[in-house]
C-alpha atoms as a PDB file:
ATOM      1  CA  MET A   1      -5.810  22.463   6.948  1.00  0.00           C
ATOM      2  CA  THR A   2      -6.475  22.764   3.200  1.00  0.00           C
ATOM      3  CA  ILE A   3      -6.828  19.918   0.743  1.00  0.00           C
ATOM      4  CA  LYS A   4      -3.445  20.865  -0.720  1.00  0.00           C
ATOM      5  CA  GLU A   5      -1.808  20.546   2.700  1.00  0.00           C
ATOM      6  CA  VAL A   6      -3.404  17.150   3.259  1.00  0.00           C
ATOM      7  CA  ALA A   7      -2.221  16.048  -0.184  1.00  0.00           C
ATOM      8  CA  GLU A   8       1.326  17.142   0.624  1.00  0.00           C
ATOM      9  CA  LYS A   9       1.316  15.414   4.024  1.00  0.00           C
ATOM     10  CA  THR A  10      -0.153  12.128   2.771  1.00  0.00           C
ATOM     11  CA  GLY A  11       1.232  11.902  -0.754  1.00  0.00           C
ATOM     12  CA  VAL A  12      -2.321  11.483  -2.062  1.00  0.00           C
ATOM     13  CA  SER A  13      -3.454  13.849  -4.794  1.00  0.00           C
ATOM     14  CA  THR A  14      -6.182  16.415  -4.236  1.00  0.00           C
ATOM     15  CA  ASP A  15      -8.282  14.668  -6.895  1.00  0.00           C
ATOM     16  CA  THR A  16      -7.949  11.382  -5.023  1.00  0.00           C
ATOM     17  CA  LEU A  17      -8.927  13.026  -1.736  1.00  0.00           C
ATOM     18  CA  ARG A  18     -12.049  14.452  -3.368  1.00  0.00           C
ATOM     19  CA  TYR A  19     -12.801  11.033  -4.872  1.00  0.00           C
ATOM     20  CA  TYR A  20     -12.373   9.307  -1.497  1.00  0.00           C
ATOM     21  CA  GLU A  21     -14.875  11.743  -0.006  1.00  0.00           C
ATOM     22  CA  ARG A  22     -17.292  11.290  -2.920  1.00  0.00           C
ATOM     23  CA  ILE A  23     -17.356   7.481  -2.609  1.00  0.00           C
ATOM     24  CA  GLY A  24     -17.552   7.508   1.188  1.00  0.00           C
ATOM     25  CA  LEU A  25     -14.042   6.416   2.123  1.00  0.00           C
ATOM     26  CA  LEU A  26     -13.715   9.746   3.884  1.00  0.00           C
ATOM     27  CA  PRO A  27     -16.602  11.268   5.796  1.00  0.00           C
ATOM     28  CA  ALA A  28     -17.850  14.655   4.639  1.00  0.00           C
ATOM     29  CA  VAL A  29     -15.089  17.159   5.251  1.00  0.00           C
ATOM     30  CA  PRO A  30     -16.147  20.201   7.273  1.00  0.00           C
ATOM     31  CA  ARG A  31     -16.021  23.432   5.311  1.00  0.00           C
ATOM     32  CA  LYS A  32     -15.168  26.980   6.200  1.00  0.00           C
ATOM     33  CA  ALA A  33     -17.699  29.770   5.638  1.00  0.00           C
ATOM     34  CA  ASN A  34     -16.225  30.337   2.166  1.00  0.00           C
ATOM     35  CA  GLY A  35     -16.810  26.654   1.217  1.00  0.00           C
ATOM     36  CA  ILE A  36     -13.144  25.570   1.413  1.00  0.00           C
ATOM     37  CA  ARG A  37     -12.618  22.130   2.942  1.00  0.00           C
ATOM     38  CA  ASP A  38     -11.142  22.311   6.442  1.00  0.00           C
ATOM     39  CA  TYR A  39      -9.322  19.070   7.275  1.00  0.00           C
ATOM     40  CA  ASP A  40      -7.938  18.172  10.688  1.00  0.00           C
ATOM     41  CA  GLU A  41      -5.445  15.522  11.842  1.00  0.00           C
ATOM     42  CA  PHE A  42      -8.169  12.852  11.857  1.00  0.00           C
ATOM     43  CA  PHE A  43      -8.208  12.960   8.055  1.00  0.00           C
ATOM     44  CA  ILE A  44      -4.424  12.586   7.869  1.00  0.00           C
ATOM     45  CA  HIS A  45      -4.676   9.430   9.985  1.00  0.00           C
ATOM     46  CA  LEU A  46      -7.641   8.091   8.022  1.00  0.00           C
ATOM     47  CA  VAL A  47      -5.956   8.658   4.648  1.00  0.00           C
ATOM     48  CA  SER A  48      -2.819   6.933   5.983  1.00  0.00           C
ATOM     49  CA  PHE A  49      -4.993   4.037   7.162  1.00  0.00           C
ATOM     50  CA  ILE A  50      -6.590   3.766   3.710  1.00  0.00           C
ATOM     51  CA  GLN A  51      -3.187   3.869   2.021  1.00  0.00           C
ATOM     52  CA  ASP A  52      -1.933   1.172   4.375  1.00  0.00           C
ATOM     53  CA  LEU A  53      -4.805  -1.154   3.481  1.00  0.00           C
ATOM     54  CA  LYS A  54      -4.257  -0.427  -0.224  1.00  0.00           C
ATOM     55  CA  SER A  55      -0.554  -1.254   0.152  1.00  0.00           C
ATOM     56  CA  VAL A  56      -1.353  -4.777   1.337  1.00  0.00           C
ATOM     57  CA  GLY A  57      -3.758  -5.554  -1.478  1.00  0.00           C
ATOM     58  CA  PHE A  58      -7.146  -4.202  -0.400  1.00  0.00           C
ATOM     59  CA  SER A  59      -9.226  -2.740  -3.223  1.00  0.00           C
ATOM     60  CA  LEU A  60     -11.063   0.517  -2.576  1.00  0.00           C
ATOM     61  CA  GLU A  61     -14.320  -1.464  -2.514  1.00  0.00           C
ATOM     62  CA  ALA A  62     -12.897  -3.800   0.134  1.00  0.00           C
ATOM     63  CA  ILE A  63     -11.693  -0.821   2.168  1.00  0.00           C
ATOM     64  CA  LEU A  64     -15.186   0.640   2.012  1.00  0.00           C
ATOM     65  CA  ASP A  65     -16.573  -2.669   3.275  1.00  0.00           C
ATOM     66  CA  TYR A  66     -13.943  -2.825   6.000  1.00  0.00           C
ATOM     67  CA  ILE A  67     -14.798   0.701   7.167  1.00  0.00           C
ATOM     68  CA  LYS A  68     -18.535  -0.095   7.144  1.00  0.00           C
ATOM     69  CA  LEU A  69     -17.835  -3.098   9.334  1.00  0.00           C
ATOM     70  CA  ALA A  70     -15.537  -1.089  11.599  1.00  0.00           C
ATOM     71  CA  LYS A  71     -18.342   1.393  12.207  1.00  0.00           C
ATOM     72  CA  LEU A  72     -20.267  -1.495  13.799  1.00  0.00           C
ATOM     73  CA  GLY A  73     -17.572  -1.780  16.438  1.00  0.00           C
ATOM     74  CA  GLU A  74     -16.285  -4.852  18.230  1.00  0.00           C
ATOM     75  CA  ALA A  75     -19.123  -7.023  16.912  1.00  0.00           C
ATOM     76  CA  SER A  76     -17.514  -6.901  13.457  1.00  0.00           C
ATOM     77  CA  SER A  77     -13.971  -7.659  14.589  1.00  0.00           C
ATOM     78  CA  GLU A  78     -13.960 -11.249  13.309  1.00  0.00           C
ATOM     79  CA  ALA A  79     -15.527 -10.252   9.978  1.00  0.00           C
ATOM     80  CA  ARG A  80     -12.784  -7.648   9.513  1.00  0.00           C
ATOM     81  CA  LYS A  81     -10.119 -10.202  10.392  1.00  0.00           C
ATOM     82  CA  GLN A  82     -11.673 -12.567   7.837  1.00  0.00           C
ATOM     83  CA  MET A  83     -11.312  -9.855   5.190  1.00  0.00           C
ATOM     84  CA  ILE A  84      -7.601  -9.635   5.963  1.00  0.00           C
ATOM     85  CA  ILE A  85      -7.306 -13.418   5.691  1.00  0.00           C
ATOM     86  CA  GLU A  86      -9.068 -13.308   2.297  1.00  0.00           C
ATOM     87  CA  VAL A  87      -6.673 -10.637   1.015  1.00  0.00           C
ATOM     88  CA  GLN A  88      -3.754 -12.718   2.304  1.00  0.00           C
ATOM     89  CA  ASN A  89      -5.054 -15.749   0.391  1.00  0.00           C
ATOM     90  CA  ILE A  90      -5.419 -13.691  -2.779  1.00  0.00           C
ATOM     91  CA  LEU A  91      -1.837 -12.459  -2.415  1.00  0.00           C
ATOM     92  CA  LEU A  92      -0.535 -15.984  -1.835  1.00  0.00           C
ATOM     93  CA  ASN A  93      -2.392 -17.182  -4.933  1.00  0.00           C
ATOM     94  CA  LYS A  94      -0.848 -14.358  -6.967  1.00  0.00           C
ATOM     95  CA  ILE A  95       2.584 -15.433  -5.745  1.00  0.00           C
ATOM     96  CA  LYS A  96       1.865 -18.999  -6.914  1.00  0.00           C
ATOM     97  CA  VAL A  97       0.780 -17.745 -10.336  1.00  0.00           C
ATOM     98  CA  LEU A  98       3.883 -15.569 -10.627  1.00  0.00           C
ATOM     99  CA  TYR A  99       6.109 -18.459  -9.570  1.00  0.00           C
ATOM    100  CA  THR A 100       4.555 -20.650 -12.273  1.00  0.00           C
ATOM    101  CA  MET A 101       5.167 -17.894 -14.814  1.00  0.00           C
ATOM    102  CA  VAL A 102       8.815 -17.606 -13.738  1.00  0.00           C
ATOM    103  CA  GLU A 103       9.241 -21.378 -14.056  1.00  0.00           C
ATOM    104  CA  LYS A 104       7.764 -21.345 -17.560  1.00  0.00           C
ATOM    105  CA  ASN A 105       9.929 -18.411 -18.558  1.00  0.00           C
ATOM    106  CA  SER A 106      12.986 -20.226 -17.191  1.00  0.00           C
ATOM    107  CA  TYR A 107      12.084 -23.181 -19.408  1.00  0.00           C
ATOM    108  CA  HIS A 108      11.900 -20.841 -22.408  1.00  0.00           C
ATOM    109  CA  LEU A 109      15.316 -19.444 -21.550  1.00  0.00           C
ATOM    110  CA  GLU A 110      16.901 -22.865 -21.052  1.00  0.00           C
ATOM    111  CA  HIS A 111      15.438 -24.247 -24.278  1.00  0.00           C
ATOM    112  CA  TYR A 112      15.386 -21.124 -26.385  1.00  0.00           C
ATOM    113  CA  ASN A 113      17.638 -22.388 -29.197  1.00  0.00           C
ATOM    114  CA  ASP A 114      16.187 -25.878 -29.460  1.00  0.00           C
ATOM    115  CA  VAL A 115      12.471 -25.224 -28.756  1.00  0.00           C
ATOM    116  CA  LEU A 116      11.268 -21.622 -28.737  1.00  0.00           C
ATOM    117  CA  LEU A 117      13.434 -20.266 -31.576  1.00  0.00           C
ATOM    118  CA  PRO A 118      12.458 -23.026 -34.052  1.00  0.00           C
ATOM    119  CA  GLN A 119       8.815 -22.759 -33.012  1.00  0.00           C
ATOM    120  CA  THR A 120       8.883 -18.989 -33.520  1.00  0.00           C
ATOM    121  CA  ASP A 121      10.572 -19.310 -36.920  1.00  0.00           C
ATOM    122  CA  LYS A 122       8.031 -21.926 -38.010  1.00  0.00           C
ATOM    123  CA  LEU A 123       5.090 -19.685 -37.070  1.00  0.00           C
ATOM    124  CA  MET A 124       6.500 -16.531 -38.665  1.00  0.00           C
ATOM    125  CA  TYR A 125       6.403 -17.838 -42.252  1.00  0.00           C
ATOM    126  CA  ARG A 126       2.829 -16.561 -42.536  1.00  0.00           C
ATOM    127  CA  PHE A 127       3.965 -12.995 -41.813  1.00  0.00           C
ATOM    128  CA  LYS A 128       6.283 -12.885 -44.817  1.00  0.00           C
END
């Protein structure tokens, strides 16, 4: 299967597929005699796996680390699970930060006329 076909099946651009191969997220893709990459179903599954990890907050660097650990087999199972726990904690922290931002924005909305508007007007005199 060509790189274009893999891109169409996975929703990942051809440039991204080449990049994934270059940085080691994908193993070297076999090539035909004319030099054209010749993907098989394994690559479709691997790209989907990478996209899945990205969708839950893994960086490409973390995915590379995860794959390196996975190559070690069962002995790395707990280390891989720990990576997932770390990503989960990062996501939960981001939710807390966003919640705090929403609370602060709600305060600005509730007190716009008596706090934020006067404060803004007071600061803007220097722009005139």
